[in-house]
C-alpha cells in the first residue's frame, strides 16, 4: 500500500465527485429530507404528560395563568384563550383540548367580590365525549385555581398525582422520539446512497472510460480500493456532521454513535465498490440503484420488532439493522439493545466478505 498514491487517487476522485450532479443530489437530498423531518416532526419527551385547556372570555382574565400556577410538577400544561364559546365547543369536540371553559364578563372581579359575600360567577365547563386523563386533571385543578385568582390562601397544598410513564415500557420509537428516529433514518439513507450510488458511480465511470485499467498499471488494487473508499467515507462524515448540525441533534454517546456509523459505512462502501466493478457503466447503476438502496434502508424502520420471529432472525444478520441498533444506543446513551459486541461482529463480517469479493472481482477483471 502506497500512501502517496492513495492520496492522489483520493484527491482526484473527490474533485470529480463534487462536479457530478448525481453525486451532489445523493448527498444533498438526505440532508434536505432531514431538515424537513426536523421542522415537521414533534420532538417531545413521551414520559411527560401533556394536557391542553381552552378558555373563552370576552375580556381580560388571569384565570389561565392561575391554572398554570397550580399545575403539578412533571406536567406540561397549555391553556389557550379564545373569543367565544363556539370555538371552545369546536376544539373540544375535535379532540384538540382536554377541557373547555367559558367565563362570563368581569369574571376575575366577580370571583374576588364573592369572597366578601358577593354573588359567585358561574363557569361553563365543556368536557370531551371521551374524557382523557387531562380532563380529570384539569377538573381537579379548577378549585385551587379559583382560590389563587381570589387571592385566598389554600388551607392545604394540593398535589395532583399523575401517572409517570416508565421509559422501559415504551417501544423503540417512544424511547428515541419521532424526530430523532426520522433523522436517524435519514442518516442511514445518506450512508446508503453514498455507499451504494456515489462510490459505485465513481468506479463504474472509470471502468467505462478505461481509466481504471491505466490506473492499476501504476497503482495496486489495494491503493485504488482504499483511495475510493476514503472518498465515500469522507462524504459520509462531512454530510452526517452537517445533518446533525442543522438539525441540532447531539448523540448522548458520541463515540459509540460515530463508531457505529463509521464501521457500517466502511462495510457498505465495500459492497458499493463491488457493484461498481461489476456493472459496466454508470447508467446501469442509476437504473438499479433503488433496488440496492431498498434492502439497506428498510431494516432501519424494522429494528425493535419482536414478531414475527423469522423476520427478527433475518434482521439479526443484516448489517444495516445492527448498525441502527448501535446508533440508537449511541443516540440515547442507553443500552437499549444489548450485546453490542455482536452487532459490531456482524457488521465486521459483512465488511470482510465485501472486500474479499471485491479483491476477487478486481483480480478476475485484470486477468
Protein backbone atom coordinates (compact mmCIF):
# COMPACT_ATOMS: atom_id res chain seq x y z
CA UNK A 1 0.00 0.00 0.00
CA UNK A 2 1.41 3.40 -1.04
CA UNK A 3 0.12 6.44 0.95
CA UNK A 4 1.10 8.98 -1.71
CA UNK A 5 -0.69 7.06 -4.44
CA UNK A 6 -3.76 6.69 -2.22
CA UNK A 7 -3.72 10.45 -1.58
CA UNK A 8 -3.51 11.15 -5.32
CA UNK A 9 -6.46 8.85 -6.07
CA UNK A 10 -8.42 10.34 -3.19
CA UNK A 11 -7.87 13.95 -4.33
CA UNK A 12 -8.78 13.16 -7.93
CA UNK A 13 -11.98 11.25 -7.09
CA UNK A 14 -13.06 13.85 -4.56
CA UNK A 15 -12.82 16.64 -7.15
CA UNK A 16 -14.56 14.59 -9.82
CA UNK A 17 -17.39 13.61 -7.50
CA UNK A 18 -18.03 17.19 -6.42
CA UNK A 19 -18.57 18.17 -10.05
CA UNK A 20 -21.04 15.32 -10.64
CA UNK A 21 -24.68 16.45 -10.18
CA UNK A 22 -25.79 12.90 -9.39
CA UNK A 23 -23.32 12.73 -6.52
CA UNK A 24 -24.40 16.09 -5.13
CA UNK A 25 -28.06 15.00 -5.30
CA UNK A 26 -27.30 11.75 -3.49
CA UNK A 27 -25.76 13.74 -0.64
CA UNK A 28 -27.93 16.86 -0.50
CA UNK A 29 -31.26 15.05 -0.80
CA UNK A 30 -30.96 13.20 2.55
CA UNK A 31 -29.83 16.43 4.23
CA UNK A 32 -32.88 18.27 2.87
CA UNK A 33 -35.10 15.38 3.98
CA UNK A 34 -33.58 15.51 7.47
CA UNK A 35 -34.29 19.25 7.67
CA UNK A 36 -37.89 18.58 6.67
CA UNK A 37 -38.31 15.94 9.37
CA UNK A 38 -36.69 18.21 11.95
CA UNK A 39 -39.09 21.02 11.11
CA UNK A 40 -42.29 18.95 10.98
CA UNK A 41 -41.89 16.00 13.36
CA UNK A 42 -42.57 16.66 17.06
CA UNK A 43 -39.70 16.06 19.44
CA UNK A 44 -41.38 15.63 22.81
CA UNK A 45 -40.47 13.54 25.83
CA UNK A 46 -43.09 10.75 25.79
CA UNK A 47 -42.74 10.23 29.56
CA UNK A 48 -44.10 13.73 30.38
CA UNK A 49 -47.93 14.12 30.37
CA UNK A 50 -49.15 16.98 28.19
CA UNK A 51 -52.59 18.49 28.76
CA UNK A 52 -54.46 21.28 26.98
CA UNK A 53 -57.30 23.56 28.03
CA UNK A 54 -59.14 26.28 26.13
CA UNK A 55 -60.80 29.26 27.84
CA UNK A 56 -63.37 31.59 26.24
CA UNK A 57 -64.00 35.10 27.56
CA UNK A 58 -64.87 38.44 26.02
CA UNK A 59 -62.39 40.32 28.19
CA UNK A 60 -59.11 40.05 30.05
CA UNK A 61 -58.77 37.34 32.67
CA UNK A 62 -55.97 35.96 34.82
CA UNK A 63 -57.65 32.58 35.19
CA UNK A 64 -55.47 30.80 32.58
CA UNK A 65 -52.38 31.96 34.48
CA UNK A 66 -53.92 30.72 37.73
CA UNK A 67 -54.40 27.29 36.16
CA UNK A 68 -50.76 27.25 35.12
CA UNK A 69 -49.65 28.20 38.65
CA UNK A 70 -51.39 25.24 40.25
CA UNK A 71 -50.18 22.74 37.64
CA UNK A 72 -48.19 19.98 39.30
CA UNK A 73 -44.56 19.27 38.61
CA UNK A 74 -43.86 16.95 35.73
CA UNK A 75 -46.83 18.27 33.74
CA UNK A 76 -46.77 20.31 30.55
CA UNK A 77 -50.00 22.33 30.59
CA UNK A 78 -51.08 24.59 27.74
CA UNK A 79 -54.01 26.99 28.21
CA UNK A 80 -55.28 28.86 25.16
CA UNK A 81 -57.67 31.80 25.29
CA UNK A 82 -60.29 32.24 22.54
CA UNK A 83 -63.03 34.77 21.90
CA UNK A 84 -66.29 32.79 22.07
CA UNK A 85 -68.00 29.62 23.24
CA UNK A 86 -68.42 28.28 19.72
CA UNK A 87 -64.65 27.99 19.34
CA UNK A 88 -64.43 26.15 22.66
CA UNK A 89 -67.12 23.70 21.52
CA UNK A 90 -65.36 23.12 18.21
CA UNK A 91 -61.92 22.50 19.72
CA UNK A 92 -63.11 20.16 22.45
CA UNK A 93 -65.32 18.21 20.03
CA UNK A 94 -62.36 17.84 17.66
CA UNK A 95 -60.20 16.45 20.47
CA UNK A 96 -57.77 19.37 20.39
CA UNK A 97 -58.20 20.10 24.11
CA UNK A 98 -58.84 18.05 27.25
CA UNK A 99 -61.25 20.61 28.74
CA UNK A 100 -63.07 23.77 27.66
CA UNK A 101 -64.14 26.64 29.92
CA UNK A 102 -66.44 29.57 29.19
CA UNK A 103 -66.13 32.54 31.57
CA UNK A 104 -68.75 35.32 31.94
CA UNK A 105 -67.80 39.00 31.53
CA UNK A 106 -65.99 40.51 34.51
CA UNK A 107 -65.09 37.05 35.79
CA UNK A 108 -61.98 37.99 37.79
CA UNK A 109 -63.65 40.84 39.64
CA UNK A 110 -66.71 38.69 40.39
CA UNK A 111 -64.52 35.94 41.87
CA UNK A 112 -62.78 38.38 44.18
CA UNK A 113 -66.10 40.02 45.17
CA UNK A 114 -67.56 36.62 46.04
CA UNK A 115 -65.04 36.25 48.86
CA UNK A 116 -66.68 39.25 50.53
CA UNK A 117 -70.20 37.93 50.23
CA UNK A 118 -70.99 38.80 46.62
CA UNK A 119 -72.73 36.50 44.18
CA UNK A 120 -70.28 33.93 42.78
CA UNK A 121 -69.88 33.83 39.00
CA UNK A 122 -70.56 30.68 37.02
CA UNK A 123 -68.23 28.75 34.74
CA UNK A 124 -69.48 26.71 31.82
CA UNK A 125 -67.38 23.53 31.55
CA UNK A 126 -67.21 21.58 28.30
CA UNK A 127 -65.83 18.05 28.60
CA UNK A 128 -64.94 15.89 25.58
CA UNK A 129 -67.27 13.00 24.81
CA UNK A 130 -64.46 10.65 25.77
CA UNK A 131 -62.76 12.24 28.82
CA UNK A 132 -58.99 11.96 29.00
CA UNK A 133 -56.63 11.89 31.99
CA UNK A 134 -56.08 15.56 31.23
CA UNK A 135 -59.81 16.20 31.64
CA UNK A 136 -59.82 14.86 35.19
CA UNK A 137 -56.58 16.62 35.99
CA UNK A 138 -57.97 19.99 34.90
CA UNK A 139 -61.28 19.47 36.73
CA UNK A 140 -59.32 18.81 39.93
CA UNK A 141 -57.27 21.97 39.31
CA UNK A 142 -60.27 24.30 38.96
CA UNK A 143 -60.88 24.82 42.69
CA UNK A 144 -57.28 25.67 43.66
CA UNK A 145 -57.00 27.91 40.58
CA UNK A 146 -60.11 29.85 41.66
CA UNK A 147 -58.62 30.31 45.13
CA UNK A 148 -55.42 31.63 43.59
CA UNK A 149 -57.45 34.07 41.48
CA UNK A 150 -59.36 35.21 44.58
CA UNK A 151 -56.07 35.80 46.48
CA UNK A 152 -57.05 33.19 49.06
CA UNK A 153 -54.51 31.10 50.90
CA UNK A 154 -55.24 27.44 50.35
CA UNK A 155 -55.99 25.51 53.55
CA UNK A 156 -53.78 22.72 52.20
CA UNK A 157 -51.37 22.17 49.37
CA UNK A 158 -52.99 20.11 46.66
CA UNK A 159 -50.74 17.87 44.63
CA UNK A 160 -52.38 16.14 41.72
CA UNK A 161 -50.52 12.90 41.18
CA UNK A 162 -50.08 11.93 37.54
CA UNK A 163 -49.00 8.63 36.15
CA UNK A 164 -45.37 8.65 35.09
CA UNK A 165 -44.52 6.55 32.08
CA UNK A 166 -41.63 4.17 32.62
CA UNK A 167 -39.27 4.57 29.65
CA UNK A 168 -38.64 0.82 29.72
CA UNK A 169 -42.33 0.27 28.86
CA UNK A 170 -42.11 2.33 25.67
CA UNK A 171 -41.34 0.94 22.24
CA UNK A 172 -38.20 1.97 20.36
CA UNK A 173 -39.93 4.92 18.68
CA UNK A 174 -41.21 6.12 22.04
CA UNK A 175 -37.80 5.91 23.69
CA UNK A 176 -35.93 7.59 20.85
CA UNK A 177 -38.57 10.13 19.88
CA UNK A 178 -40.18 10.54 16.46
CA UNK A 179 -37.98 13.48 15.45
CA UNK A 180 -34.71 11.75 16.37
CA UNK A 181 -35.78 8.46 14.79
CA UNK A 182 -36.67 10.07 11.48
CA UNK A 183 -33.40 11.99 11.39
CA UNK A 184 -31.55 8.75 12.20
CA UNK A 185 -33.35 7.11 9.28
CA UNK A 186 -32.17 9.99 7.10
CA UNK A 187 -28.60 9.42 8.30
CA UNK A 188 -28.89 5.79 7.22
CA UNK A 189 -30.34 6.88 3.88
CA UNK A 190 -27.36 9.19 3.41
CA UNK A 191 -24.92 6.36 4.17
CA UNK A 192 -26.79 4.03 1.85
CA UNK A 193 -26.89 6.49 -1.06
CA UNK A 194 -23.22 7.35 -0.63
CA UNK A 195 -22.13 3.71 -0.41
CA UNK A 196 -24.47 2.21 -2.99
CA UNK A 197 -24.67 5.08 -5.50
CA UNK A 198 -21.91 7.67 -5.14
CA UNK A 199 -18.96 5.30 -4.72
CA UNK A 200 -20.09 2.80 -7.41
CA UNK A 201 -20.59 5.64 -9.90
CA UNK A 202 -17.00 6.81 -9.35
CA UNK A 203 -15.62 3.34 -10.03
CA UNK A 204 -18.01 2.48 -12.88
CA UNK A 205 -17.23 5.68 -14.77
CA UNK A 206 -13.51 4.96 -14.57
CA UNK A 207 -14.09 1.44 -15.87
CA UNK A 208 -16.29 2.82 -18.66
CA UNK A 209 -13.66 5.37 -19.70
CA UNK A 210 -10.87 2.75 -19.45
CA UNK A 211 -9.02 4.93 -16.94
CA UNK A 212 -9.28 2.19 -14.31
CA UNK A 213 -7.10 -0.13 -16.38
CA UNK A 214 -4.48 2.60 -16.71
CA UNK A 215 -4.72 3.37 -13.02
CA UNK A 216 -3.97 -0.19 -11.89
CA UNK A 217 -0.85 -0.14 -14.05
CA UNK A 218 0.75 2.45 -11.74
CA UNK A 219 -1.09 1.64 -8.50
CA UNK A 220 -2.06 -1.58 -6.78
CA UNK A 221 -5.65 -2.71 -6.41
CA UNK A 222 -5.32 -2.03 -2.69
CA UNK A 223 -4.36 1.59 -3.37
CA UNK A 224 -7.35 2.03 -5.65
CA UNK A 225 -9.80 0.47 -3.21
CA UNK A 226 -8.50 2.40 -0.20
CA UNK A 227 -8.47 5.71 -2.09
CA UNK A 228 -12.03 5.35 -3.33
CA UNK A 229 -13.30 4.03 0.00
CA UNK A 230 -11.82 7.10 1.72
CA UNK A 231 -13.72 9.33 -0.70
CA UNK A 232 -17.01 7.69 0.28
CA UNK A 233 -16.16 7.78 3.97
CA UNK A 234 -15.24 11.47 3.73
CA UNK A 235 -18.59 12.27 2.16
CA UNK A 236 -20.39 10.34 4.90
CA UNK A 237 -18.52 12.05 7.75
CA UNK A 238 -19.00 15.55 6.32
CA UNK A 239 -22.64 15.06 5.34
CA UNK A 240 -23.67 13.38 8.63
CA UNK A 241 -21.90 16.09 10.63
CA UNK A 242 -23.71 18.74 8.61
CA UNK A 243 -27.06 16.98 9.02
CA UNK A 244 -26.69 16.65 12.80
CA UNK A 245 -25.55 20.26 12.98
CA UNK A 246 -28.50 21.76 11.12
CA UNK A 247 -31.00 19.57 13.00
CA UNK A 248 -29.33 20.36 16.37
CA UNK A 249 -29.22 16.68 17.38
CA UNK A 250 -26.45 15.71 19.80
CA UNK A 251 -25.95 11.98 20.47
CA UNK A 252 -25.58 11.28 24.18
CA UNK A 253 -22.72 8.86 23.48
CA UNK A 254 -20.98 10.45 20.51
CA UNK A 255 -18.15 7.91 20.47
CA UNK A 256 -20.48 4.90 20.23
CA UNK A 257 -22.67 6.69 17.69
CA UNK A 258 -19.72 7.64 15.49
CA UNK A 259 -18.07 4.21 15.71
CA UNK A 260 -21.29 2.50 14.61
CA UNK A 261 -21.73 4.78 11.59
CA UNK A 262 -18.08 4.58 10.52
CA UNK A 263 -17.98 0.78 10.72
CA UNK A 264 -21.29 0.46 8.86
CA UNK A 265 -20.15 2.95 6.21
CA UNK A 266 -16.89 1.09 5.59
CA UNK A 267 -18.75 -2.22 5.19
CA UNK A 268 -21.39 -0.81 2.82
CA UNK A 269 -18.80 1.09 0.79
CA UNK A 270 -17.12 -2.28 0.19
CA UNK A 271 -20.34 -3.56 -1.39
CA UNK A 272 -20.68 -0.32 -3.32
CA UNK A 273 -17.21 -0.76 -4.81
CA UNK A 274 -18.13 -4.34 -5.65
CA UNK A 275 -21.18 -3.10 -7.56
CA UNK A 276 -19.07 -0.52 -9.35
CA UNK A 277 -16.68 -3.23 -10.50
CA UNK A 278 -19.49 -5.48 -11.74
CA UNK A 279 -21.62 -3.01 -13.70
CA UNK A 280 -20.27 -1.81 -17.00
CA UNK A 281 -21.39 1.83 -16.81
CA UNK A 282 -22.93 4.45 -14.54
CA UNK A 283 -26.28 4.38 -16.37
CA UNK A 284 -26.83 0.78 -15.34
CA UNK A 285 -26.08 1.75 -11.75
CA UNK A 286 -28.59 4.59 -11.90
CA UNK A 287 -31.22 2.18 -13.21
CA UNK A 288 -30.69 -0.36 -10.43
CA UNK A 289 -29.72 1.99 -7.58
CA UNK A 290 -33.17 1.90 -5.97
CA UNK A 291 -33.05 -1.89 -5.81
CA UNK A 292 -29.72 -1.77 -3.97
CA UNK A 293 -30.65 1.02 -1.55
CA UNK A 294 -34.00 -0.55 -0.54
CA UNK A 295 -32.56 -3.53 1.40
CA UNK A 296 -30.08 -1.16 3.03
CA UNK A 297 -32.72 1.29 4.23
CA UNK A 298 -35.71 -0.95 5.02
CA UNK A 299 -34.19 -2.65 8.12
CA UNK A 300 -33.75 0.78 9.75
CA UNK A 301 -37.50 1.07 10.30
CA UNK A 302 -37.97 -2.55 11.40
CA UNK A 303 -35.46 -2.53 14.25
CA UNK A 304 -37.06 -3.32 17.60
CA UNK A 305 -39.68 -5.74 16.30
CA UNK A 306 -40.36 -8.80 18.42
CA UNK A 307 -42.63 -10.57 15.94
CA UNK A 308 -42.68 -12.39 13.61
CA UNK A 309 -39.73 -14.48 14.69
CA UNK A 310 -38.44 -15.22 11.19
CA UNK A 311 -38.22 -11.51 10.40
CA UNK A 312 -36.35 -10.81 13.66
CA UNK A 313 -33.83 -13.55 12.84
CA UNK A 314 -33.39 -12.12 9.34
CA UNK A 315 -32.76 -8.63 10.72
CA UNK A 316 -30.18 -10.03 13.13
CA UNK A 317 -27.88 -10.95 10.26
CA UNK A 318 -28.20 -7.69 8.29
CA UNK A 319 -25.52 -5.03 8.75
CA UNK A 320 -27.89 -2.06 8.49
CA UNK A 321 -30.17 -3.29 11.26
CA UNK A 322 -27.18 -3.97 13.52
CA UNK A 323 -25.73 -0.56 12.69
CA UNK A 324 -29.07 1.06 13.53
CA UNK A 325 -29.16 -0.69 16.90
CA UNK A 326 -25.68 0.59 17.74
CA UNK A 327 -26.59 4.08 16.52
CA UNK A 328 -29.74 4.12 18.70
CA UNK A 329 -27.67 3.13 21.73
CA UNK A 330 -25.25 5.96 20.97
CA UNK A 331 -28.02 8.45 20.26
CA UNK A 332 -29.83 7.80 23.55
CA UNK A 333 -26.77 6.97 25.67
CA UNK A 334 -28.58 3.84 26.87
CA UNK A 335 -28.03 0.14 26.19
CA UNK A 336 -31.48 -0.23 24.61
CA UNK A 337 -30.08 -3.08 22.53
CA UNK A 338 -27.85 -5.48 24.43
CA UNK A 339 -24.87 -7.44 23.07
CA UNK A 340 -23.30 -4.50 21.23
CA UNK A 341 -20.25 -6.67 20.55
CA UNK A 342 -22.41 -8.99 18.45
CA UNK A 343 -23.63 -6.05 16.36
CA UNK A 344 -20.04 -4.95 15.72
CA UNK A 345 -19.12 -8.52 14.79
CA UNK A 346 -21.98 -8.88 12.29
CA UNK A 347 -21.06 -5.61 10.55
CA UNK A 348 -17.35 -6.53 10.51
CA UNK A 349 -18.07 -9.93 8.95
CA UNK A 350 -20.15 -8.30 6.20
CA UNK A 351 -17.30 -5.86 5.58
CA UNK A 352 -14.72 -8.63 5.30
CA UNK A 353 -16.96 -10.51 2.85
CA UNK A 354 -17.49 -7.37 0.75
CA UNK A 355 -13.81 -6.53 0.39
CA UNK A 356 -12.86 -10.17 -0.20
CA UNK A 357 -15.36 -10.37 -3.07
CA UNK A 358 -14.13 -7.02 -4.36
CA UNK A 359 -10.50 -8.22 -4.39
CA UNK A 360 -11.52 -11.40 -6.23
CA UNK A 361 -13.53 -9.40 -8.79
CA UNK A 362 -10.66 -6.97 -9.46
CA UNK A 363 -8.17 -9.82 -9.90
CA UNK A 364 -10.61 -11.55 -12.24
CA UNK A 365 -11.08 -8.33 -14.18
CA UNK A 366 -7.34 -7.85 -14.55
CA UNK A 367 -6.89 -11.42 -15.74
